Amino acid sequence: MAATAVYIVELLPEKSVSITIDFAENYSCFCQNEIRVANDSVNIHPCICVFRCPKVNELVDECVDVVSDDLNHDSHAVHVFLNHVLQH
């Protein structure tokens, strides 16, 4: 599977983006010098974007992590996260 992914990315046409996403994970967060106890949770949705740079015609990869307080791992959340990634 990894070999297929590399092959697809190498043939990536101009003005195209290959996005690999991972399942989101929930993390608990707290401030180090916090006066009161507050348990806040966030959802981290990692994405790796690969595209061909038009200036030098080379492949470029970027890691984009979406951090959200929406803890649902449903299709609606993924859709919103990917829209933010594509706007980047």
Foldseek 3Di string as FASTA:
>chain_A
DVVVVVVCLVPADAPDKDKDKDQKDKDWDDDPPDPDDDTQIKIKIKMKIWHQDPVVRHIDIDIDIDIGSPPDRDPVVVVVVVVVVVVD
